[in-house]
Amino acid sequence: MDRVYRVLLPAIAGAACALAACSGDAGGGLAVQAGRARCGDGWRPASAGTRTLLVHNGDSASVDVTVVDPSSGTVFAELEGVGPGTTRPLRVGLGAGTYAIGCRPAGGAAVTGPRVRVSGPGGGARGVRPLTANDLDPAVRAYRGRVVAGLGALVRRTDALRDAVRSGDLDAARGAWLPAHLAYARLGAAYGAFGDRGDAIDGRPAGLPDGVRDPGFRGFHRVERGLWHGASAASLRGPADRLAADVRALRDGFPRAELDPGDLGLRAHEILEDALRFELTGATDQGSGTTLATVAANVDGTRTALAPLRPLLADRLPELPEIDAGLDRASRLLRAQHRHGRWTPLDRLGAVERERINGAIGELVERLASVATVAAVRRTP
């Protein structure tokens, strides 16, 4: 499925409008060419305001299309993957200034169309200065260092869990399970680099043929289920040993793993998106009742992912203070459910508290979508 972005900050919409919905924009729909030979043909000088460009790709390859300031490269709107012979609407608000259409065919060099002057009163979208892979490389290297340190802590805590199971002390094992699992939950932005190993360490039984009894159900949640559902220490030694071995293999293999520069901003958004989808629906809990602790660790992991991006976001994302305030609020709401050394289980959370937590995380997911958009890698001509 084609991915579509419309850059309209501070609110970032995830899809271009439908043709019918755009018909009321100033100037109606204006046909603009997006192929290699005719990039930007058909766009003519216009007055400031919101309008719809009907982007037609007459080329034989799919093309990514942007509306840019040709002097600075600032991006005001974009469509990804406009297929050959297709027309897609692109709605954009433009203030007075000079713009151009940028076209990058799949596997080809970028082409910038003719400059078009937009004049008159009226506000427009705030553009995004593009980031390249080179721009993001220092952030990725800094984050990699944080992950390496976090993996060291994860190994130590998972070994402690394994040793408690081996000793037969299941009370100690239950006490060691949460610190080990939270060490993993704080590594959220690196999940994309963990591959199958990540699924083995923190996978859920959902989708497995035999559910919780399936041999493929392993990792933290397999051990959790046994610890809180009366399994014997002998029966948990195998799962605990496998978990510790998988974690150690993850640590040893991570230095060779690739971290896509464009993934850091995307993961900063997806960590809490997954928390909202899986943790706060109760889909992951296997008996420990520590879901809210995991979500709090996910908030910490989001901060960790954002930290190396801050120098790049500081002058590109004015909403960063609101994101920080949202993270603080979510942390307070979650940690208020840690009382007398215990976390409130999700199913015992009051309706008001649950609504507040869901609302805080949901709002953050929406705000963090702008981080994913701004920190995306954009190839420049």
Protein backbone atom coordinates (compact mmCIF):
# COMPACT_ATOMS: atom_id res chain seq x y z
CA MET A 1 0.00 0.00 0.00
CA ASP A 2 1.37 3.44 -0.89
CA ARG A 3 2.45 5.56 2.02
CA VAL A 4 1.34 9.19 1.82
CA TYR A 5 2.50 12.12 3.90
CA ARG A 6 1.13 15.62 3.95
CA VAL A 7 3.44 17.90 5.92
CA LEU A 8 1.22 20.39 7.77
CA LEU A 9 2.91 21.17 11.05
CA PRO A 10 2.14 21.39 13.92
CA ALA A 11 -0.64 18.98 12.96
CA ILE A 12 0.67 16.22 10.70
CA ALA A 13 -1.91 14.42 8.63
CA GLY A 14 -1.11 10.91 7.47
CA ALA A 15 -2.91 10.88 4.12
CA ALA A 16 -3.77 13.14 1.24
CA CYS A 17 -7.39 14.15 0.94
CA ALA A 18 -9.80 12.35 -1.35
CA LEU A 19 -10.58 14.09 -4.61
CA ALA A 20 -14.11 15.00 -3.61
CA ALA A 21 -12.99 16.41 -0.29
CA CYS A 22 -10.49 18.68 -1.99
CA SER A 23 -12.83 20.26 -4.50
CA GLY A 24 -13.55 23.25 -2.29
CA ASP A 25 -9.92 24.35 -1.96
CA ALA A 26 -8.78 27.62 -3.43
CA GLY A 27 -8.11 27.11 -7.10
CA GLY A 28 -9.70 23.65 -7.21
CA GLY A 29 -7.64 20.73 -8.47
CA LEU A 30 -4.70 21.63 -10.67
CA ALA A 31 -3.10 18.90 -12.81
CA VAL A 32 0.68 18.72 -12.29
CA GLN A 33 3.09 16.32 -13.99
CA ALA A 34 5.50 14.23 -11.92
CA GLY A 35 7.53 12.21 -14.44
CA ARG A 36 11.25 12.55 -15.07
CA ALA A 37 10.87 14.47 -18.31
CA ARG A 38 8.02 16.78 -17.25
CA CYS A 39 8.44 17.21 -13.50
CA GLY A 40 6.31 20.13 -12.33
CA ASP A 41 4.75 20.88 -15.71
CA GLY A 42 1.28 22.35 -15.35
CA TRP A 43 1.86 24.17 -12.09
CA ARG A 44 1.52 27.89 -12.59
CA PRO A 45 1.80 31.02 -10.40
CA ALA A 46 -1.02 31.24 -7.87
CA SER A 47 -2.25 33.15 -4.86
CA ALA A 48 -1.40 32.05 -1.33
CA GLY A 49 -3.70 29.61 0.41
CA THR A 50 -4.65 25.95 0.45
CA ARG A 51 -5.03 24.16 -2.83
CA THR A 52 -4.97 20.71 -4.33
CA LEU A 53 -2.45 19.53 -6.87
CA LEU A 54 -3.59 16.54 -8.93
CA VAL A 55 -0.23 14.84 -9.33
CA HIS A 56 -0.02 12.68 -12.46
CA ASN A 57 2.87 10.32 -13.08
CA GLY A 58 3.18 9.72 -16.80
CA ASP A 59 6.46 7.89 -16.35
CA SER A 60 7.16 4.15 -16.38
CA ALA A 61 8.50 4.09 -12.80
CA SER A 62 6.89 5.10 -9.51
CA VAL A 63 7.98 8.48 -8.23
CA ASP A 64 8.16 10.30 -4.90
CA VAL A 65 6.85 13.85 -5.20
CA THR A 66 7.53 16.88 -2.98
CA VAL A 67 6.59 20.53 -2.88
CA VAL A 68 9.76 22.36 -1.89
CA ASP A 69 11.41 25.72 -1.49
CA PRO A 70 14.04 25.29 -4.23
CA SER A 71 16.51 27.58 -2.46
CA SER A 72 16.58 25.88 0.93
CA GLY A 73 15.17 22.45 0.14
CA THR A 74 12.47 22.87 2.78
CA VAL A 75 9.65 20.37 2.19
CA PHE A 76 6.04 21.56 2.43
CA ALA A 77 4.20 18.47 1.23
CA GLU A 78 5.03 15.05 -0.13
CA LEU A 79 3.60 11.94 -1.71
CA GLU A 80 5.46 8.66 -1.71
CA GLY A 81 5.22 6.11 -4.47
CA VAL A 82 2.94 7.66 -7.07
CA GLY A 83 2.57 4.75 -9.48
CA PRO A 84 3.07 4.89 -13.25
CA GLY A 85 0.05 6.28 -15.06
CA THR A 86 -1.76 7.23 -11.86
CA THR A 87 -3.06 10.53 -10.53
CA ARG A 88 -3.12 11.30 -6.82
CA PRO A 89 -4.28 14.45 -4.98
CA LEU A 90 -1.83 16.43 -2.91
CA ARG A 91 -3.29 19.15 -0.74
CA VAL A 92 -0.93 21.85 0.47
CA GLY A 93 -1.16 25.26 2.12
CA LEU A 94 1.37 27.75 0.78
CA GLY A 95 2.21 31.25 1.89
CA ALA A 96 3.81 33.86 -0.34
CA GLY A 97 7.11 32.62 -1.75
CA THR A 98 8.80 30.59 -4.45
CA TYR A 99 8.20 26.85 -4.74
CA ALA A 100 8.90 23.94 -7.05
CA ILE A 101 7.87 20.33 -7.53
CA GLY A 102 10.57 17.78 -6.78
CA CYS A 103 10.39 14.32 -8.42
CA ARG A 104 12.49 11.31 -7.51
CA PRO A 105 11.77 8.21 -9.59
CA ALA A 106 12.40 4.82 -7.99
CA GLY A 107 16.07 4.05 -8.48
CA GLY A 108 16.69 7.32 -10.31
CA ALA A 109 18.12 10.76 -9.72
CA ALA A 110 15.98 13.59 -8.36
CA VAL A 111 14.60 16.23 -10.70
CA THR A 112 13.36 19.66 -9.66
CA GLY A 113 10.69 21.32 -11.77
CA PRO A 114 10.36 24.98 -12.71
CA ARG A 115 10.03 27.58 -10.00
CA VAL A 116 6.55 28.92 -9.33
CA ARG A 117 5.76 32.15 -7.54
CA VAL A 118 2.96 32.21 -4.95
CA SER A 119 1.86 35.68 -3.89
CA GLY A 120 -0.67 37.49 -1.77
CA PRO A 121 -1.87 37.28 1.84
CA GLY A 122 -2.65 34.02 3.56
CA GLY A 123 -0.82 31.58 5.74
CA GLY A 124 0.70 28.31 4.65
CA ALA A 125 2.07 25.11 6.08
CA ARG A 126 5.30 25.29 8.02
CA GLY A 127 7.82 23.33 6.02
CA VAL A 128 10.41 20.87 7.22
CA ARG A 129 14.08 21.26 6.40
CA PRO A 130 15.11 17.83 5.14
CA LEU A 131 17.46 15.54 7.01
CA THR A 132 19.83 13.21 5.20
CA ALA A 133 21.33 9.96 6.44
CA ASN A 134 24.57 11.85 7.10
CA ASP A 135 22.72 14.40 9.24
CA LEU A 136 21.26 11.58 11.34
CA ASP A 137 24.42 9.51 11.62
CA PRO A 138 25.67 11.16 14.87
CA ALA A 139 22.28 10.55 16.49
CA VAL A 140 22.33 6.90 15.43
CA ARG A 141 25.86 6.44 16.79
CA ALA A 142 24.88 8.03 20.10
CA TYR A 143 21.80 5.86 20.35
CA ARG A 144 23.78 2.74 19.50
CA GLY A 145 26.03 3.50 22.48
CA ARG A 146 23.00 3.76 24.75
CA VAL A 147 21.65 0.44 23.47
CA VAL A 148 24.98 -1.30 24.05
CA ALA A 149 24.95 -0.10 27.67
CA GLY A 150 21.32 -1.15 28.04
CA LEU A 151 22.04 -4.61 26.66
CA GLY A 152 24.73 -5.07 29.27
CA ALA A 153 22.21 -4.34 32.02
CA LEU A 154 19.69 -6.63 30.33
CA VAL A 155 22.13 -9.56 30.33
CA ARG A 156 22.93 -9.10 34.02
CA ARG A 157 19.28 -8.94 35.06
CA THR A 158 18.21 -11.83 32.85
CA ASP A 159 21.04 -13.94 34.25
CA ALA A 160 19.75 -13.14 37.75
CA LEU A 161 16.29 -14.33 36.70
CA ARG A 162 17.71 -17.52 35.22
CA ASP A 163 19.79 -18.20 38.34
CA ALA A 164 16.79 -17.74 40.62
CA VAL A 165 14.79 -20.26 38.56
CA ARG A 166 17.69 -22.70 38.56
CA SER A 167 17.97 -22.44 42.35
CA GLY A 168 14.31 -23.35 42.71
CA ASP A 169 13.51 -20.10 44.53
CA LEU A 170 10.41 -19.01 42.62
CA ASP A 171 9.74 -16.06 44.93
CA ALA A 172 13.17 -14.70 44.03
CA ALA A 173 12.48 -15.45 40.37
CA ARG A 174 9.23 -13.49 40.48
CA GLY A 175 11.16 -10.61 42.05
CA ALA A 176 13.85 -10.80 39.35
CA TRP A 177 11.45 -11.04 36.41
CA LEU A 178 10.25 -7.43 36.33
CA PRO A 179 13.67 -5.69 36.51
CA ALA A 180 14.87 -7.90 33.66
CA HIS A 181 11.79 -7.27 31.53
CA LEU A 182 11.92 -3.51 32.11
CA ALA A 183 15.56 -3.47 30.99
CA TYR A 184 14.33 -4.85 27.67
CA ALA A 185 11.32 -2.51 27.47
CA ARG A 186 13.64 0.52 27.71
CA LEU A 187 15.43 -0.51 24.52
CA GLY A 188 12.34 0.21 22.40
CA ALA A 189 13.82 2.21 19.54
CA ALA A 190 16.24 -0.59 18.72
CA TYR A 191 13.54 -3.23 18.28
CA GLY A 192 13.68 -2.93 14.51
CA ALA A 193 17.32 -4.02 14.55
CA PHE A 194 16.69 -7.07 16.75
CA GLY A 195 14.80 -9.08 14.12
CA ASP A 196 13.70 -12.62 15.02
CA ARG A 197 15.77 -12.48 18.19
CA GLY A 198 13.48 -9.78 19.53
CA ASP A 199 10.41 -11.93 18.90
CA ALA A 200 12.05 -14.82 20.75
CA ILE A 201 12.80 -12.60 23.74
CA ASP A 202 9.53 -10.70 24.08
CA GLY A 203 7.02 -12.44 21.83
CA ARG A 204 3.35 -13.00 22.67
CA PRO A 205 1.34 -16.20 22.29
CA ALA A 206 -1.22 -14.49 20.05
CA GLY A 207 -1.23 -16.06 16.61
CA LEU A 208 0.59 -19.25 17.64
CA PRO A 209 -1.33 -22.43 16.75
CA ASP A 210 -1.45 -23.69 20.35
CA GLY A 211 -1.36 -20.31 22.11
CA VAL A 212 0.41 -20.37 25.47
CA ARG A 213 1.09 -24.12 25.04
CA ASP A 214 2.80 -23.68 21.70
CA PRO A 215 6.52 -24.58 21.62
CA GLY A 216 7.11 -21.29 19.83
CA PHE A 217 5.93 -19.34 22.85
CA ARG A 218 9.16 -18.42 24.61
CA GLY A 219 10.98 -15.51 26.19
CA PHE A 220 9.95 -13.18 28.98
CA HIS A 221 6.23 -13.78 28.67
CA ARG A 222 6.66 -17.57 28.64
CA VAL A 223 8.62 -17.37 31.92
CA GLU A 224 6.11 -14.87 33.29
CA ARG A 225 3.20 -17.19 32.62
CA GLY A 226 4.89 -20.06 34.39
CA LEU A 227 5.90 -17.98 37.40
CA TRP A 228 2.39 -16.64 37.96
CA HIS A 229 0.43 -19.76 37.01
CA GLY A 230 1.91 -22.35 39.33
CA ALA A 231 4.57 -23.92 37.12
CA SER A 232 7.37 -25.78 38.88
CA ALA A 233 10.93 -24.52 38.93
CA ALA A 234 12.00 -27.65 37.03
CA SER A 235 9.57 -26.89 34.19
CA LEU A 236 10.82 -23.30 33.93
CA ARG A 237 14.53 -24.04 33.77
CA GLY A 238 14.43 -24.64 30.03
CA PRO A 239 12.51 -21.43 29.18
CA ALA A 240 14.68 -19.38 31.56
CA ASP A 241 17.88 -20.83 30.10
CA ARG A 242 16.70 -20.14 26.54
CA LEU A 243 15.75 -16.59 27.46
CA ALA A 244 19.14 -15.89 29.00
CA ALA A 245 20.89 -17.42 25.99
CA ASP A 246 18.79 -15.36 23.55
CA VAL A 247 19.52 -12.17 25.46
CA ARG A 248 23.24 -12.91 25.48
CA ALA A 249 23.18 -13.66 21.75
CA LEU A 250 21.34 -10.38 21.18
CA ARG A 251 24.01 -8.45 23.07
CA ASP A 252 26.84 -10.21 21.24
CA GLY A 253 25.28 -9.73 17.82
CA PHE A 254 24.07 -6.16 18.16
CA PRO A 255 27.36 -4.46 17.19
CA ARG A 256 26.94 -6.01 13.72
CA ALA A 257 23.27 -5.04 13.39
CA GLU A 258 22.23 -2.22 11.08
CA LEU A 259 20.33 0.74 12.51
CA ASP A 260 18.57 2.57 9.70
CA PRO A 261 19.04 6.32 10.31
CA GLY A 262 15.41 6.92 9.37
CA ASP A 263 14.19 4.43 11.95
CA LEU A 264 15.15 6.40 15.05
CA GLY A 265 12.40 9.00 14.73
CA LEU A 266 9.94 6.36 13.56
CA ARG A 267 10.66 4.12 16.56
CA ALA A 268 10.31 7.07 18.94
CA HIS A 269 6.72 7.18 17.72
CA GLU A 270 6.13 3.43 17.52
CA ILE A 271 7.26 2.58 21.06
CA LEU A 272 4.20 4.21 22.60
CA GLU A 273 1.98 3.28 19.67
CA ASP A 274 2.73 -0.35 20.51
CA ALA A 275 2.24 0.35 24.22
CA LEU A 276 -1.23 1.73 23.49
CA ARG A 277 -2.08 -1.18 21.19
CA PHE A 278 -0.70 -4.11 23.16
CA GLU A 279 0.17 -3.15 26.73
CA LEU A 280 -2.77 -0.93 27.63
CA THR A 281 -5.25 -3.38 26.12
CA GLY A 282 -3.92 -6.13 28.40
CA ALA A 283 -2.76 -8.23 25.44
CA THR A 284 0.72 -8.87 26.82
CA ASP A 285 0.09 -9.59 30.50
CA GLN A 286 0.66 -13.23 31.43
CA GLY A 287 -0.08 -12.93 35.12
CA SER A 288 2.46 -10.60 36.71
CA GLY A 289 0.11 -7.60 36.66
CA THR A 290 3.02 -5.30 35.79
CA THR A 291 1.71 -3.83 32.53
CA LEU A 292 1.85 -0.27 33.84
CA ALA A 293 5.49 -0.72 34.83
CA THR A 294 6.23 -1.79 31.26
CA VAL A 295 4.44 1.26 29.86
CA ALA A 296 6.45 3.49 32.21
CA ALA A 297 9.62 1.85 30.85
CA ASN A 298 8.32 2.47 27.31
CA VAL A 299 8.03 6.17 28.18
CA ASP A 300 11.64 6.06 29.39
CA GLY A 301 12.62 4.33 26.14
CA THR A 302 10.90 7.07 24.15
CA ARG A 303 12.95 9.71 25.99
CA THR A 304 16.10 7.73 25.24
CA ALA A 305 15.24 7.60 21.54
CA LEU A 306 14.50 11.33 21.46
CA ALA A 307 17.67 12.39 23.28
CA PRO A 308 20.16 12.04 20.40
CA LEU A 309 17.67 13.61 17.98
CA ARG A 310 17.25 16.80 20.00
CA PRO A 311 19.99 18.84 18.27
CA LEU A 312 18.25 18.15 14.94
CA LEU A 313 14.71 18.68 16.22
CA ALA A 314 15.38 21.85 18.21
CA ASP A 315 14.83 24.25 15.30
CA ARG A 316 12.64 21.93 13.23
CA LEU A 317 9.98 20.95 15.73
CA PRO A 318 8.59 23.80 17.87
CA GLU A 319 6.25 21.29 19.54
CA LEU A 320 9.16 19.55 21.30
CA PRO A 321 8.39 21.25 24.66
CA GLU A 322 4.79 19.99 24.45
CA ILE A 323 6.09 16.48 23.76
CA ASP A 324 8.37 16.72 26.80
CA ALA A 325 5.48 17.94 28.94
CA GLY A 326 3.38 15.03 27.70
CA LEU A 327 6.10 12.55 28.58
CA ASP A 328 6.35 14.07 32.07
CA ARG A 329 2.59 13.83 32.54
CA ALA A 330 2.45 10.23 31.36
CA SER A 331 5.29 9.29 33.71
CA ARG A 332 3.54 10.90 36.68
CA LEU A 333 0.25 9.16 35.95
CA LEU A 334 1.92 5.78 35.55
CA ARG A 335 4.22 6.00 38.54
CA ALA A 336 1.32 7.07 40.73
CA GLN A 337 0.16 3.45 40.29
CA HIS A 338 3.32 2.15 42.00
CA ARG A 339 2.42 2.03 45.68
CA HIS A 340 4.12 0.26 48.56
CA GLY A 341 6.49 -1.48 46.19
CA ARG A 342 3.74 -2.90 43.95
CA TRP A 343 2.22 -1.88 40.64
CA THR A 344 -1.52 -1.68 40.22
CA PRO A 345 -2.59 -4.45 37.81
CA LEU A 346 -4.28 -3.11 34.70
CA ASP A 347 -7.56 -4.89 35.47
CA ARG A 348 -7.71 -3.21 38.89
CA LEU A 349 -7.12 0.27 37.58
CA GLY A 350 -10.02 2.63 38.23
CA ALA A 351 -11.98 3.87 35.24
CA VAL A 352 -10.87 7.48 35.71
CA GLU A 353 -7.19 6.57 36.10
CA ARG A 354 -7.34 4.27 33.10
CA GLU A 355 -8.94 6.95 30.98
CA ARG A 356 -6.29 9.46 32.00
CA ILE A 357 -3.42 7.10 31.23
CA ASN A 358 -4.89 6.03 27.90
CA GLY A 359 -5.52 9.67 27.03
CA ALA A 360 -1.99 10.75 27.95
CA ILE A 361 -0.37 7.96 25.93
CA GLY A 362 -2.78 8.47 23.01
CA GLU A 363 -1.98 12.18 22.87
CA LEU A 364 1.74 11.41 22.91
CA VAL A 365 1.34 8.96 20.05
CA GLU A 366 -0.27 11.73 17.99
CA ARG A 367 2.41 14.28 18.88
CA LEU A 368 5.27 11.86 18.29
CA ALA A 369 4.03 11.25 14.76
CA SER A 370 5.55 14.64 13.95
CA VAL A 371 8.95 13.39 15.17
CA ALA A 372 8.69 10.45 12.78
CA THR A 373 7.88 12.82 9.91
CA VAL A 374 10.51 15.46 10.67
CA ALA A 375 13.28 12.91 11.36
CA ALA A 376 12.59 10.87 8.20
CA VAL A 377 15.52 10.58 5.80
CA ARG A 378 14.93 12.61 2.67
CA ARG A 379 17.23 12.34 -0.29
CA THR A 380 18.06 15.75 -1.69
CA PRO A 381 18.95 16.56 -5.31
